[in-house]
């Protein structure tokens, strides 16, 4: 038996691969249905992404289903604030004194003037007190007053919603610790030791504007 050797000549031109579709990479991107399925979200998910200038629908899922909307109104509020106030706006909380200062003592009242700062907390007030001390203020002849008139005041955002929930706080020109207090109870003998504080990272002053007690009841678990 004899082996036959075959010789193959190299191609005269290099082989050119078949060109890929310019949008081929998009095939690796999961579609909306896959993203929703992988997220583990239960229930019905509906949304629509629309170009506000052209009106073109960019993406949608169950867009015509009538279901309760997500808590997205804050995005519209943020856009309005950005448009009206600008990206460099800073909310200011100020300390003002009436009657002048003599030998480190305010002759009139000391005013805490709110400017609508939503992030004001106990640590900020502590820093303002430190700044007063460094400025040489050692006393106030008059009263300590708080001004909240820079914004309209309301007890709750929506009176039809429960008043204890965190998304329905009061609104005014000054708010501290997101209008929340820290409520803590510990077993103490046959009863409970109850504390309420305006907690921040450094300071945790006691709350005197409200009180809480532990009672035996079946529900609700709040008041």
N, C-alpha and C. Protein backbone atom coordinates (compact mmCIF):
# COMPACT_ATOMS: atom_id res chain seq x y z
N UNK A 1 0.87 -1.19 0.00
CA UNK A 1 0.00 0.00 0.00
C UNK A 1 0.90 1.23 0.00
N UNK A 2 0.61 2.13 -0.84
CA UNK A 2 1.43 3.33 -0.95
C UNK A 2 0.64 4.54 -0.51
N UNK A 3 1.32 5.43 0.22
CA UNK A 3 0.68 6.67 0.66
C UNK A 3 0.87 7.74 -0.38
N UNK A 4 -0.17 8.49 -0.57
CA UNK A 4 -0.14 9.55 -1.56
C UNK A 4 -0.08 10.90 -0.84
N UNK A 5 0.85 11.70 -1.15
CA UNK A 5 0.98 13.02 -0.54
C UNK A 5 0.32 14.05 -1.42
N UNK A 6 -0.55 14.85 -0.78
CA UNK A 6 -1.25 15.90 -1.53
C UNK A 6 -0.75 17.25 -1.07
N UNK A 7 -0.53 18.13 -1.98
CA UNK A 7 -0.07 19.47 -1.67
C UNK A 7 -1.18 20.47 -1.96
N UNK A 8 -1.37 21.37 -0.99
CA UNK A 8 -2.40 22.40 -1.18
C UNK A 8 -1.72 23.75 -1.28
N UNK A 9 -2.10 24.50 -2.25
CA UNK A 9 -1.52 25.82 -2.42
C UNK A 9 -2.24 26.85 -1.55
N UNK A 10 -1.51 27.82 -1.04
CA UNK A 10 -2.11 28.89 -0.25
C UNK A 10 -3.00 29.74 -1.13
N UNK A 11 -4.08 30.29 -0.55
CA UNK A 11 -4.96 31.15 -1.35
C UNK A 11 -4.21 32.38 -1.81
N UNK A 12 -4.58 32.84 -2.97
CA UNK A 12 -3.91 34.02 -3.53
C UNK A 12 -4.26 35.30 -2.78
N UNK A 13 -5.40 35.31 -2.10
CA UNK A 13 -5.81 36.46 -1.28
C UNK A 13 -6.26 35.95 0.08
N UNK A 14 -6.09 36.78 1.12
CA UNK A 14 -6.52 36.36 2.46
C UNK A 14 -8.04 36.28 2.53
N UNK A 15 -8.49 35.33 3.35
CA UNK A 15 -9.92 35.15 3.51
C UNK A 15 -10.49 36.28 4.35
N UNK A 16 -11.55 36.88 3.91
CA UNK A 16 -12.16 37.99 4.64
C UNK A 16 -13.36 37.45 5.43
N UNK A 17 -13.37 37.63 6.77
CA UNK A 17 -14.51 37.14 7.55
C UNK A 17 -15.79 37.89 7.20
N UNK A 18 -16.88 37.20 7.42
CA UNK A 18 -18.17 37.82 7.15
C UNK A 18 -18.40 38.96 8.14
N UNK A 19 -18.76 40.09 7.64
CA UNK A 19 -18.98 41.24 8.50
C UNK A 19 -20.14 41.05 9.46
N UNK A 20 -19.96 41.55 10.68
CA UNK A 20 -21.00 41.44 11.70
C UNK A 20 -21.93 42.64 11.64
N UNK A 21 -23.14 42.38 12.05
CA UNK A 21 -24.12 43.46 12.13
C UNK A 21 -23.65 44.48 13.15
N UNK A 22 -23.78 45.75 12.84
CA UNK A 22 -23.34 46.81 13.76
C UNK A 22 -24.07 46.75 15.09
N UNK A 23 -25.26 46.18 15.12
CA UNK A 23 -26.05 46.11 16.36
C UNK A 23 -25.92 44.75 17.04
N UNK A 24 -24.90 43.96 16.66
CA UNK A 24 -24.77 42.62 17.22
C UNK A 24 -24.61 42.65 18.74
N UNK A 25 -23.91 43.69 19.26
CA UNK A 25 -23.67 43.76 20.70
C UNK A 25 -24.97 43.85 21.49
N UNK A 26 -26.00 44.37 20.84
CA UNK A 26 -27.27 44.52 21.54
C UNK A 26 -27.89 43.17 21.88
N UNK A 27 -27.49 42.12 21.15
CA UNK A 27 -28.05 40.80 21.42
C UNK A 27 -27.60 40.28 22.78
N UNK A 28 -26.47 40.80 23.28
CA UNK A 28 -25.98 40.36 24.59
C UNK A 28 -26.64 41.11 25.73
N UNK A 29 -27.35 42.16 25.43
CA UNK A 29 -28.03 42.94 26.47
C UNK A 29 -29.38 42.30 26.76
N UNK A 30 -29.65 41.97 28.02
CA UNK A 30 -30.94 41.35 28.33
C UNK A 30 -32.10 42.30 28.04
N UNK A 31 -33.20 41.74 27.59
CA UNK A 31 -34.36 42.58 27.33
C UNK A 31 -35.11 42.88 28.61
N UNK A 32 -36.11 43.71 28.51
CA UNK A 32 -36.84 44.15 29.70
C UNK A 32 -37.45 42.98 30.45
N UNK A 33 -38.03 42.05 29.74
CA UNK A 33 -38.67 40.90 30.39
C UNK A 33 -37.66 40.10 31.20
N UNK A 34 -36.45 39.93 30.66
CA UNK A 34 -35.41 39.19 31.38
C UNK A 34 -34.96 39.94 32.63
N UNK A 35 -34.82 41.26 32.49
CA UNK A 35 -34.39 42.06 33.64
C UNK A 35 -35.41 41.98 34.77
N UNK A 36 -36.69 42.10 34.42
CA UNK A 36 -37.74 42.03 35.44
C UNK A 36 -37.79 40.65 36.07
N UNK A 37 -37.65 39.60 35.24
CA UNK A 37 -37.70 38.23 35.77
C UNK A 37 -36.52 37.96 36.69
N UNK A 38 -35.33 38.44 36.34
CA UNK A 38 -34.14 38.20 37.15
C UNK A 38 -34.12 39.02 38.43
N UNK A 39 -34.89 40.10 38.47
CA UNK A 39 -34.87 40.97 39.65
C UNK A 39 -35.55 40.35 40.86
N UNK A 40 -36.44 39.38 40.61
CA UNK A 40 -37.17 38.77 41.71
C UNK A 40 -38.35 39.58 42.19
N UNK A 41 -38.68 40.65 41.50
CA UNK A 41 -39.84 41.47 41.87
C UNK A 41 -41.11 40.67 41.63
N UNK A 42 -41.97 40.66 42.63
CA UNK A 42 -43.24 39.95 42.49
C UNK A 42 -44.34 40.92 42.07
N UNK A 43 -45.47 40.38 41.66
CA UNK A 43 -46.57 41.23 41.24
C UNK A 43 -46.40 41.70 39.81
N UNK A 44 -47.16 42.71 39.46
CA UNK A 44 -47.14 43.25 38.11
C UNK A 44 -46.23 44.47 38.02
N UNK A 45 -45.35 44.46 37.05
CA UNK A 45 -44.45 45.59 36.82
C UNK A 45 -44.85 46.28 35.53
N UNK A 46 -45.04 47.58 35.61
CA UNK A 46 -45.41 48.35 34.43
C UNK A 46 -44.62 49.65 34.41
N UNK A 47 -44.12 50.01 33.25
CA UNK A 47 -43.38 51.26 33.13
C UNK A 47 -43.33 51.69 31.67
N UNK A 48 -42.93 52.93 31.47
CA UNK A 48 -42.72 53.45 30.12
C UNK A 48 -41.61 54.48 30.18
N UNK A 49 -40.68 54.39 29.25
CA UNK A 49 -39.60 55.37 29.11
C UNK A 49 -39.82 56.11 27.80
N UNK A 50 -40.01 57.41 27.90
CA UNK A 50 -40.38 58.21 26.72
C UNK A 50 -39.43 59.39 26.59
N UNK A 51 -38.98 59.66 25.39
CA UNK A 51 -38.19 60.85 25.11
C UNK A 51 -39.12 62.06 25.18
N UNK A 52 -38.91 62.92 26.17
CA UNK A 52 -39.84 64.03 26.38
C UNK A 52 -39.80 65.05 25.25
N UNK A 53 -38.72 65.10 24.49
CA UNK A 53 -38.63 66.07 23.40
C UNK A 53 -39.30 65.56 22.13
N UNK A 54 -39.07 64.30 21.80
CA UNK A 54 -39.64 63.75 20.56
C UNK A 54 -40.95 63.01 20.78
N UNK A 55 -41.20 62.59 22.03
CA UNK A 55 -42.39 61.81 22.31
C UNK A 55 -42.26 60.35 21.93
N UNK A 56 -41.07 59.93 21.51
CA UNK A 56 -40.85 58.54 21.10
C UNK A 56 -40.78 57.64 22.33
N UNK A 57 -41.50 56.52 22.26
CA UNK A 57 -41.44 55.53 23.34
C UNK A 57 -40.16 54.73 23.17
N UNK A 58 -39.27 54.81 24.14
CA UNK A 58 -37.99 54.12 24.07
C UNK A 58 -38.08 52.69 24.59
N UNK A 59 -38.87 52.50 25.62
CA UNK A 59 -39.04 51.17 26.21
C UNK A 59 -40.31 51.17 27.03
N UNK A 60 -40.97 50.02 27.10
CA UNK A 60 -42.20 49.94 27.88
C UNK A 60 -42.52 48.49 28.19
N UNK A 61 -43.27 48.32 29.26
CA UNK A 61 -43.75 46.99 29.64
C UNK A 61 -45.07 47.16 30.38
N UNK A 62 -46.10 46.52 29.91
CA UNK A 62 -47.44 46.62 30.53
C UNK A 62 -47.85 48.08 30.69
N UNK A 63 -47.48 48.90 29.72
CA UNK A 63 -47.67 50.35 29.86
C UNK A 63 -49.13 50.77 29.92
N UNK A 64 -50.03 49.95 29.42
CA UNK A 64 -51.45 50.33 29.42
C UNK A 64 -52.22 49.72 30.58
N UNK A 65 -51.54 48.98 31.44
CA UNK A 65 -52.21 48.37 32.60
C UNK A 65 -52.47 49.42 33.67
N UNK A 66 -53.65 49.40 34.25
CA UNK A 66 -53.98 50.35 35.31
C UNK A 66 -53.58 49.81 36.67
N UNK A 67 -52.39 50.14 37.14
CA UNK A 67 -51.91 49.70 38.45
C UNK A 67 -51.43 50.91 39.23
N UNK A 68 -51.36 50.81 40.57
CA UNK A 68 -50.89 51.95 41.37
C UNK A 68 -49.47 52.35 40.96
N UNK A 69 -49.20 53.63 40.83
CA UNK A 69 -47.87 54.07 40.40
C UNK A 69 -46.83 53.88 41.49
N UNK A 70 -45.58 53.78 41.08
CA UNK A 70 -44.48 53.72 42.04
C UNK A 70 -44.27 55.10 42.65
N UNK A 71 -43.47 55.15 43.71
CA UNK A 71 -43.18 56.42 44.37
C UNK A 71 -42.14 57.18 43.56
N UNK A 72 -42.56 57.70 42.42
CA UNK A 72 -41.63 58.38 41.52
C UNK A 72 -41.87 59.87 41.42
N UNK A 73 -42.87 60.39 42.14
CA UNK A 73 -43.17 61.81 42.05
C UNK A 73 -42.00 62.65 42.55
N UNK A 74 -41.15 62.05 43.42
CA UNK A 74 -39.99 62.78 43.93
C UNK A 74 -39.04 63.17 42.80
N UNK A 75 -39.02 62.37 41.73
CA UNK A 75 -38.15 62.71 40.60
C UNK A 75 -38.62 64.00 39.93
N UNK A 76 -39.94 64.15 39.81
CA UNK A 76 -40.49 65.37 39.22
C UNK A 76 -40.21 66.56 40.13
N UNK A 77 -40.37 66.36 41.43
CA UNK A 77 -40.08 67.43 42.39
C UNK A 77 -38.62 67.85 42.31
N UNK A 78 -37.72 66.87 42.21
CA UNK A 78 -36.29 67.17 42.12
C UNK A 78 -35.97 67.95 40.85
N UNK A 79 -36.58 67.56 39.74
CA UNK A 79 -36.33 68.27 38.49
C UNK A 79 -36.83 69.71 38.55
N UNK A 80 -37.99 69.90 39.19
CA UNK A 80 -38.53 71.26 39.33
C UNK A 80 -37.61 72.11 40.21
N UNK A 81 -37.14 71.53 41.32
CA UNK A 81 -36.23 72.27 42.20
C UNK A 81 -34.93 72.61 41.48
N UNK A 82 -34.43 71.67 40.69
CA UNK A 82 -33.20 71.92 39.94
C UNK A 82 -33.39 73.05 38.94
N UNK A 83 -34.56 73.09 38.31
CA UNK A 83 -34.84 74.12 37.32
C UNK A 83 -35.03 75.48 37.98
N UNK A 84 -35.73 75.53 39.11
CA UNK A 84 -36.05 76.80 39.75
C UNK A 84 -34.92 77.33 40.63
N UNK A 85 -34.21 76.44 41.32
CA UNK A 85 -33.18 76.87 42.26
C UNK A 85 -31.78 76.81 41.67
N UNK A 86 -31.57 75.92 40.72
CA UNK A 86 -30.25 75.77 40.12
C UNK A 86 -29.41 74.74 40.85
N UNK A 87 -28.40 74.21 40.17
CA UNK A 87 -27.59 73.13 40.77
C UNK A 87 -26.69 73.58 41.91
N UNK A 88 -26.45 74.88 42.04
CA UNK A 88 -25.55 75.38 43.07
C UNK A 88 -26.28 75.92 44.30
N UNK A 89 -27.60 75.75 44.34
CA UNK A 89 -28.35 76.29 45.47
C UNK A 89 -27.99 75.56 46.76
N UNK A 90 -27.86 76.33 47.84
CA UNK A 90 -27.57 75.78 49.16
C UNK A 90 -28.63 76.26 50.13
N UNK A 91 -29.27 75.33 50.83
CA UNK A 91 -30.24 75.70 51.86
C UNK A 91 -29.48 76.15 53.10
N UNK A 92 -29.86 77.29 53.64
CA UNK A 92 -29.14 77.85 54.78
C UNK A 92 -30.02 77.92 56.01
N UNK A 93 -29.46 77.54 57.14
CA UNK A 93 -30.08 77.73 58.45
C UNK A 93 -29.20 78.70 59.22
N UNK A 94 -29.77 79.83 59.65
CA UNK A 94 -28.95 80.90 60.22
C UNK A 94 -29.30 81.18 61.67
N UNK A 95 -28.34 81.75 62.38
CA UNK A 95 -28.56 82.28 63.72
C UNK A 95 -28.48 83.80 63.65
N UNK A 96 -29.52 84.47 64.13
CA UNK A 96 -29.56 85.93 64.14
C UNK A 96 -29.78 86.41 65.56
N UNK A 97 -29.24 87.57 65.87
CA UNK A 97 -29.40 88.16 67.20
C UNK A 97 -30.02 89.54 67.06
N UNK A 98 -30.94 89.86 67.95
CA UNK A 98 -31.54 91.19 67.99
C UNK A 98 -30.98 91.96 69.18
N UNK A 99 -30.88 93.27 69.02
CA UNK A 99 -30.43 94.10 70.13
C UNK A 99 -28.94 94.22 70.28
N UNK A 100 -28.17 93.60 69.39
CA UNK A 100 -26.73 93.71 69.49
C UNK A 100 -26.13 92.81 70.55
N UNK A 101 -24.80 92.86 70.66
CA UNK A 101 -24.06 92.03 71.61
C UNK A 101 -23.16 92.92 72.46
N UNK A 102 -23.25 92.78 73.77
CA UNK A 102 -22.43 93.55 74.70
C UNK A 102 -21.71 92.58 75.63
N UNK A 103 -20.38 92.63 75.61
CA UNK A 103 -19.57 91.75 76.46
C UNK A 103 -19.95 90.27 76.30
N UNK A 104 -20.20 89.89 75.07
CA UNK A 104 -20.51 88.50 74.80
C UNK A 104 -21.94 88.10 75.07
N UNK A 105 -22.79 89.05 75.45
CA UNK A 105 -24.18 88.72 75.76
C UNK A 105 -25.11 89.36 74.74
N UNK A 106 -25.97 88.54 74.13
CA UNK A 106 -26.97 89.05 73.19
C UNK A 106 -27.99 89.86 73.98
N UNK A 107 -28.19 91.12 73.59
CA UNK A 107 -29.08 92.00 74.35
C UNK A 107 -30.56 91.74 74.08
N UNK A 108 -30.85 91.12 72.96
CA UNK A 108 -32.24 90.80 72.64
C UNK A 108 -32.46 89.31 72.55
N UNK A 109 -33.10 88.88 71.48
CA UNK A 109 -33.41 87.46 71.29
C UNK A 109 -32.39 86.81 70.35
N UNK A 110 -32.24 85.51 70.51
CA UNK A 110 -31.44 84.71 69.59
C UNK A 110 -32.40 83.91 68.73
N UNK A 111 -32.30 84.08 67.41
CA UNK A 111 -33.25 83.47 66.49
C UNK A 111 -32.57 82.39 65.64
N UNK A 112 -33.19 81.23 65.58
CA UNK A 112 -32.79 80.18 64.66
C UNK A 112 -33.72 80.29 63.45
N UNK A 113 -33.17 80.71 62.32
CA UNK A 113 -33.97 81.00 61.13
C UNK A 113 -33.80 79.87 60.12
N UNK A 114 -34.87 79.14 59.89
CA UNK A 114 -34.82 78.03 58.95
C UNK A 114 -34.88 78.50 57.52
N UNK A 115 -34.18 77.77 56.65
CA UNK A 115 -34.19 78.09 55.23
C UNK A 115 -34.65 76.93 54.37
N UNK A 116 -35.40 76.01 54.98
CA UNK A 116 -35.92 74.88 54.23
C UNK A 116 -34.93 73.75 54.01
N UNK A 117 -33.85 73.70 54.80
CA UNK A 117 -32.84 72.65 54.63
C UNK A 117 -33.42 71.30 55.04
N UNK A 118 -33.56 70.35 54.10
CA UNK A 118 -34.15 69.06 54.45
C UNK A 118 -33.19 68.14 55.18
N UNK A 119 -31.90 68.50 55.27
CA UNK A 119 -30.92 67.61 55.89
C UNK A 119 -30.46 68.09 57.26
N UNK A 120 -31.05 69.14 57.78
CA UNK A 120 -30.65 69.68 59.08
C UNK A 120 -30.82 68.62 60.16
N UNK A 121 -29.76 68.40 60.96
CA UNK A 121 -29.87 67.42 62.04
C UNK A 121 -29.26 67.97 63.32
N UNK A 122 -29.28 67.15 64.37
CA UNK A 122 -28.80 67.59 65.68
C UNK A 122 -27.32 67.95 65.65
N UNK A 123 -26.54 67.27 64.83
CA UNK A 123 -25.12 67.59 64.72
C UNK A 123 -24.91 68.99 64.15
N UNK A 124 -25.74 69.38 63.18
CA UNK A 124 -25.65 70.72 62.62
C UNK A 124 -25.92 71.78 63.69
N UNK A 125 -26.95 71.54 64.51
CA UNK A 125 -27.25 72.49 65.58
C UNK A 125 -26.11 72.53 66.59
N UNK A 126 -25.53 71.37 66.88
CA UNK A 126 -24.39 71.33 67.79
C UNK A 126 -23.22 72.15 67.26
N UNK A 127 -22.97 72.06 65.95
CA UNK A 127 -21.89 72.84 65.35
C UNK A 127 -22.19 74.33 65.41
N UNK A 128 -23.45 74.71 65.24
CA UNK A 128 -23.82 76.12 65.33
C UNK A 128 -23.60 76.64 66.75
N UNK A 129 -23.91 75.81 67.75
CA UNK A 129 -23.67 76.20 69.14
C UNK A 129 -22.17 76.36 69.40
N UNK A 130 -21.38 75.47 68.83
CA UNK A 130 -19.92 75.58 68.98
C UNK A 130 -19.41 76.86 68.35
N UNK A 131 -19.95 77.20 67.18
CA UNK A 131 -19.54 78.42 66.50
C UNK A 131 -19.90 79.66 67.32
N UNK A 132 -21.07 79.63 67.97
CA UNK A 132 -21.45 80.75 68.84
C UNK A 132 -20.45 80.93 69.97
N UNK A 133 -20.05 79.82 70.56
CA UNK A 133 -19.09 79.88 71.66
C UNK A 133 -17.76 80.42 71.18
N UNK A 134 -17.30 79.96 70.02
CA UNK A 134 -16.03 80.44 69.48
C UNK A 134 -16.10 81.92 69.13
N UNK A 135 -17.32 82.41 68.80
CA UNK A 135 -17.48 83.83 68.48
C UNK A 135 -17.54 84.69 69.74
N UNK A 136 -17.53 84.06 70.91
CA UNK A 136 -17.51 84.80 72.16
C UNK A 136 -18.87 85.03 72.79
N UNK A 137 -19.92 84.40 72.28
CA UNK A 137 -21.26 84.56 72.87
C UNK A 137 -21.36 83.68 74.11
N UNK A 138 -21.68 84.31 75.24
CA UNK A 138 -21.76 83.57 76.50
C UNK A 138 -23.15 83.61 77.13
N UNK A 139 -24.07 84.40 76.57
CA UNK A 139 -25.40 84.49 77.15
C UNK A 139 -26.37 85.23 76.25
N UNK A 140 -27.66 85.09 76.58
CA UNK A 140 -28.74 85.74 75.83
C UNK A 140 -29.71 86.34 76.83
N UNK A 141 -29.92 87.65 76.76
CA UNK A 141 -30.85 88.30 77.68
C UNK A 141 -32.30 87.98 77.34
N UNK A 142 -32.58 87.87 76.06
CA UNK A 142 -33.95 87.64 75.64
C UNK A 142 -34.30 86.16 75.56
N UNK A 143 -35.05 85.80 74.53
CA UNK A 143 -35.51 84.43 74.36
C UNK A 143 -34.83 83.78 73.16
N UNK A 144 -34.90 82.46 73.14
CA UNK A 144 -34.47 81.70 71.97
C UNK A 144 -35.71 81.40 71.15
N UNK A 145 -35.71 81.87 69.90
CA UNK A 145 -36.89 81.72 69.05
C UNK A 145 -36.53 80.99 67.76
N UNK A 146 -37.52 80.31 67.20
CA UNK A 146 -37.33 79.57 65.96
C UNK A 146 -38.28 80.13 64.91
N UNK A 147 -37.73 80.48 63.74
CA UNK A 147 -38.54 81.01 62.64
C UNK A 147 -38.64 79.95 61.54
N UNK A 148 -39.87 79.60 61.18
CA UNK A 148 -40.10 78.57 60.17
C UNK A 148 -40.86 79.10 58.96
N UNK A 149 -41.01 80.42 58.85
CA UNK A 149 -41.87 81.01 57.84
C UNK A 149 -41.31 81.08 56.43
N UNK A 150 -40.11 80.56 56.20
CA UNK A 150 -39.57 80.61 54.84
C UNK A 150 -40.33 79.68 53.89
N UNK A 151 -41.05 78.71 54.43
CA UNK A 151 -41.91 77.82 53.65
C UNK A 151 -43.27 77.71 54.33
N UNK A 152 -44.31 77.42 53.57
CA UNK A 152 -45.62 77.17 54.21
C UNK A 152 -45.53 75.97 55.14
N UNK A 153 -46.29 76.01 56.21
CA UNK A 153 -46.27 74.92 57.19
C UNK A 153 -47.52 74.06 57.06
N UNK A 154 -47.32 72.76 57.14
CA UNK A 154 -48.44 71.82 57.13
C UNK A 154 -48.09 70.65 58.02
N UNK A 155 -49.08 70.11 58.71
CA UNK A 155 -48.84 69.03 59.67
C UNK A 155 -48.40 67.76 58.97
N UNK A 156 -48.93 67.49 57.79
CA UNK A 156 -48.58 66.29 57.04
C UNK A 156 -48.67 66.59 55.55
N UNK A 157 -47.91 65.87 54.76
CA UNK A 157 -47.96 66.07 53.32
C UNK A 157 -49.34 65.75 52.77
N UNK A 158 -49.91 64.65 53.22
CA UNK A 158 -51.23 64.21 52.76
C UNK A 158 -52.06 63.81 53.96
N UNK A 159 -53.08 64.60 54.32
CA UNK A 159 -53.88 64.28 55.51
C UNK A 159 -54.65 62.97 55.39
N UNK A 160 -54.79 62.44 54.18
CA UNK A 160 -55.50 61.17 54.01
C UNK A 160 -54.60 59.96 54.24
N UNK A 161 -53.29 60.20 54.35
CA UNK A 161 -52.35 59.12 54.63
C UNK A 161 -52.13 59.02 56.14
N UNK A 162 -51.69 57.86 56.65
CA UNK A 162 -51.41 57.73 58.08
C UNK A 162 -50.36 58.75 58.52
N UNK A 163 -50.53 59.30 59.71
CA UNK A 163 -49.61 60.36 60.14
C UNK A 163 -48.34 59.81 60.77
N UNK A 164 -48.24 58.49 60.98
CA UNK A 164 -47.06 57.94 61.62
C UNK A 164 -46.00 57.47 60.63
N UNK A 165 -46.33 57.40 59.36
CA UNK A 165 -45.40 56.83 58.38
C UNK A 165 -44.34 57.85 57.98
N UNK A 166 -43.15 57.35 57.67
CA UNK A 166 -42.03 58.22 57.37
C UNK A 166 -42.18 59.03 56.10
N UNK A 167 -43.04 58.57 55.17
CA UNK A 167 -43.20 59.30 53.92
C UNK A 167 -44.29 60.36 54.00
N UNK A 168 -44.82 60.62 55.19
CA UNK A 168 -45.87 61.63 55.33
C UNK A 168 -45.55 62.58 56.48
N UNK A 169 -44.37 63.20 56.47
CA UNK A 169 -44.00 64.09 57.56
C UNK A 169 -44.61 65.47 57.41
N UNK A 170 -44.45 66.27 58.45
CA UNK A 170 -44.84 67.66 58.36
C UNK A 170 -43.85 68.44 57.52
N UNK A 171 -44.27 69.60 57.06
CA UNK A 171 -43.41 70.44 56.22
C UNK A 171 -43.43 71.86 56.77
N UNK A 172 -42.26 72.47 56.86
CA UNK A 172 -42.17 73.87 57.27
C UNK A 172 -40.81 74.39 56.85
N UNK A 173 -40.53 75.64 57.20
CA UNK A 173 -39.25 76.23 56.84
C UNK A 173 -38.08 75.66 57.61
N UNK A 174 -38.35 74.90 58.67
CA UNK A 174 -37.28 74.26 59.42
C UNK A 174 -37.75 72.89 59.88
N UNK A 175 -36.92 71.91 59.66
CA UNK A 175 -37.21 70.54 60.08
C UNK A 175 -35.92 69.94 60.62
N UNK A 176 -36.03 69.16 61.67
CA UNK A 176 -34.84 68.59 62.30
C UNK A 176 -34.88 67.07 62.23
N UNK A 177 -33.76 66.49 61.83
CA UNK A 177 -33.64 65.02 61.77
C UNK A 177 -34.75 64.40 60.93
N UNK A 178 -35.07 65.05 59.82
CA UNK A 178 -36.11 64.55 58.91
C UNK A 178 -37.47 64.40 59.62
N UNK A 179 -37.70 65.27 60.61
CA UNK A 179 -38.95 65.23 61.39
C UNK A 179 -39.18 63.88 62.05
N UNK A 180 -38.10 63.26 62.48
CA UNK A 180 -38.21 61.96 63.14
C UNK A 180 -37.48 61.99 64.48
N UNK A 181 -37.90 61.12 65.39
CA UNK A 181 -37.21 60.94 66.66
C UNK A 181 -36.91 59.46 66.84
N UNK A 182 -35.90 59.18 67.63
CA UNK A 182 -35.54 57.79 67.92
C UNK A 182 -36.25 57.36 69.20
N UNK A 183 -37.07 56.34 69.09
CA UNK A 183 -37.83 55.81 70.23
C UNK A 183 -37.21 54.48 70.64
N UNK A 184 -36.85 54.37 71.91
CA UNK A 184 -36.20 53.15 72.40
C UNK A 184 -36.84 52.71 73.71
N UNK A 185 -37.05 51.42 73.86
CA UNK A 185 -37.55 50.89 75.13
C UNK A 185 -36.72 49.67 75.53
N UNK A 186 -36.41 49.58 76.83
CA UNK A 186 -35.65 48.47 77.38
C UNK A 186 -36.36 47.95 78.62
N UNK A 187 -36.33 46.65 78.79
CA UNK A 187 -36.93 46.03 79.98
C UNK A 187 -36.19 46.51 81.22
N UNK A 188 -36.94 46.98 82.20
CA UNK A 188 -36.38 47.47 83.46
C UNK A 188 -37.22 46.92 84.59
N UNK A 189 -36.81 45.78 85.15
CA UNK A 189 -37.60 45.15 86.20
C UNK A 189 -38.92 44.66 85.66
N UNK A 190 -40.01 45.17 86.24
CA UNK A 190 -41.35 44.78 85.78
C UNK A 190 -41.89 45.71 84.70
N UNK A 191 -41.15 46.74 84.37
CA UNK A 191 -41.62 47.69 83.36
C UNK A 191 -40.60 47.90 82.26
N UNK A 192 -40.67 49.08 81.65
CA UNK A 192 -39.77 49.41 80.56
C UNK A 192 -39.17 50.79 80.78
N UNK A 193 -37.92 50.93 80.40
CA UNK A 193 -37.26 52.23 80.39
C UNK A 193 -37.40 52.81 78.99
N UNK A 194 -38.10 53.93 78.87
CA UNK A 194 -38.43 54.50 77.56
C UNK A 194 -37.64 55.79 77.36
N UNK A 195 -37.02 55.93 76.20
CA UNK A 195 -36.31 57.16 75.86
C UNK A 195 -36.70 57.60 74.45
N UNK A 196 -36.69 58.91 74.24
CA UNK A 196 -36.91 59.49 72.91
C UNK A 196 -35.81 60.52 72.69
N UNK A 197 -35.09 60.38 71.58
CA UNK A 197 -33.94 61.24 71.33
C UNK A 197 -33.93 61.72 69.88
N UNK A 198 -33.34 62.89 69.70
CA UNK A 198 -33.10 63.39 68.35
C UNK A 198 -31.70 62.99 67.91
N UNK A 199 -31.53 61.74 67.59
CA UNK A 199 -30.20 61.17 67.36
C UNK A 199 -29.57 61.62 66.05
N UNK A 200 -28.27 61.92 66.14
CA UNK A 200 -27.43 62.12 64.96
C UNK A 200 -26.12 61.40 65.25
N UNK A 201 -25.08 61.65 64.46
CA UNK A 201 -23.83 60.92 64.64
C UNK A 201 -23.13 61.28 65.95
N UNK A 202 -23.15 62.58 66.32
CA UNK A 202 -22.44 63.03 67.52
C UNK A 202 -23.38 63.33 68.68
N UNK A 203 -24.51 63.90 68.39
CA UNK A 203 -25.41 64.37 69.44
C UNK A 203 -26.71 63.58 69.44
N UNK A 204 -27.26 63.39 70.65
CA UNK A 204 -28.54 62.70 70.80
C UNK A 204 -29.34 63.38 71.90
N UNK A 205 -29.80 64.62 71.67
CA UNK A 205 -30.54 65.34 72.71
C UNK A 205 -31.89 64.69 72.99
N UNK A 206 -32.32 64.81 74.24
CA UNK A 206 -33.62 64.27 74.63
C UNK A 206 -34.74 65.05 73.96
N UNK A 207 -35.80 64.36 73.60
CA UNK A 207 -36.96 64.98 72.96
C UNK A 207 -37.95 65.38 74.03
N UNK A 208 -38.36 66.65 74.02
CA UNK A 208 -39.32 67.15 75.01
C UNK A 208 -40.66 67.53 74.38
N UNK A 209 -40.71 67.59 73.06
CA UNK A 209 -41.94 68.00 72.38
C UNK A 209 -42.94 66.87 72.27
N UNK A 210 -42.53 65.64 72.56
CA UNK A 210 -43.43 64.48 72.45
C UNK A 210 -43.06 63.49 73.54
N UNK A 211 -43.96 62.58 73.81
CA UNK A 211 -43.71 61.56 74.83
C UNK A 211 -44.26 60.22 74.35
N UNK A 212 -43.78 59.15 74.96
CA UNK A 212 -44.20 57.81 74.57
C UNK A 212 -44.24 56.94 75.82
N UNK A 213 -45.16 55.99 75.83
CA UNK A 213 -45.22 55.02 76.91
C UNK A 213 -45.57 53.65 76.35
N UNK A 214 -45.16 52.61 77.05
CA UNK A 214 -45.42 51.24 76.64
C UNK A 214 -46.64 50.73 77.39
N UNK A 215 -47.64 50.27 76.65
CA UNK A 215 -48.87 49.75 77.26
C UNK A 215 -49.18 48.39 76.66
N UNK A 216 -49.99 47.62 77.37
CA UNK A 216 -50.38 46.29 76.92
C UNK A 216 -51.62 46.41 76.05
N UNK A 217 -51.48 46.14 74.76
CA UNK A 217 -52.60 46.23 73.85
C UNK A 217 -52.36 45.27 72.69
N UNK A 218 -53.45 44.87 72.04
CA UNK A 218 -53.34 43.92 70.95
C UNK A 218 -52.96 44.60 69.63
N UNK A 219 -53.28 45.85 69.48
CA UNK A 219 -52.93 46.55 68.25
C UNK A 219 -53.74 47.84 68.13
N UNK A 220 -53.29 48.77 67.33
CA UNK A 220 -52.04 48.71 66.56
C UNK A 220 -50.82 48.86 67.44
N UNK A 221 -49.65 48.63 66.87
CA UNK A 221 -48.43 48.67 67.66
C UNK A 221 -47.84 50.07 67.73
N UNK A 222 -48.58 51.05 67.24
CA UNK A 222 -48.13 52.43 67.28
C UNK A 222 -49.31 53.30 67.71
N UNK A 223 -49.03 54.58 68.00
CA UNK A 223 -50.11 55.50 68.36
C UNK A 223 -50.10 56.67 67.40
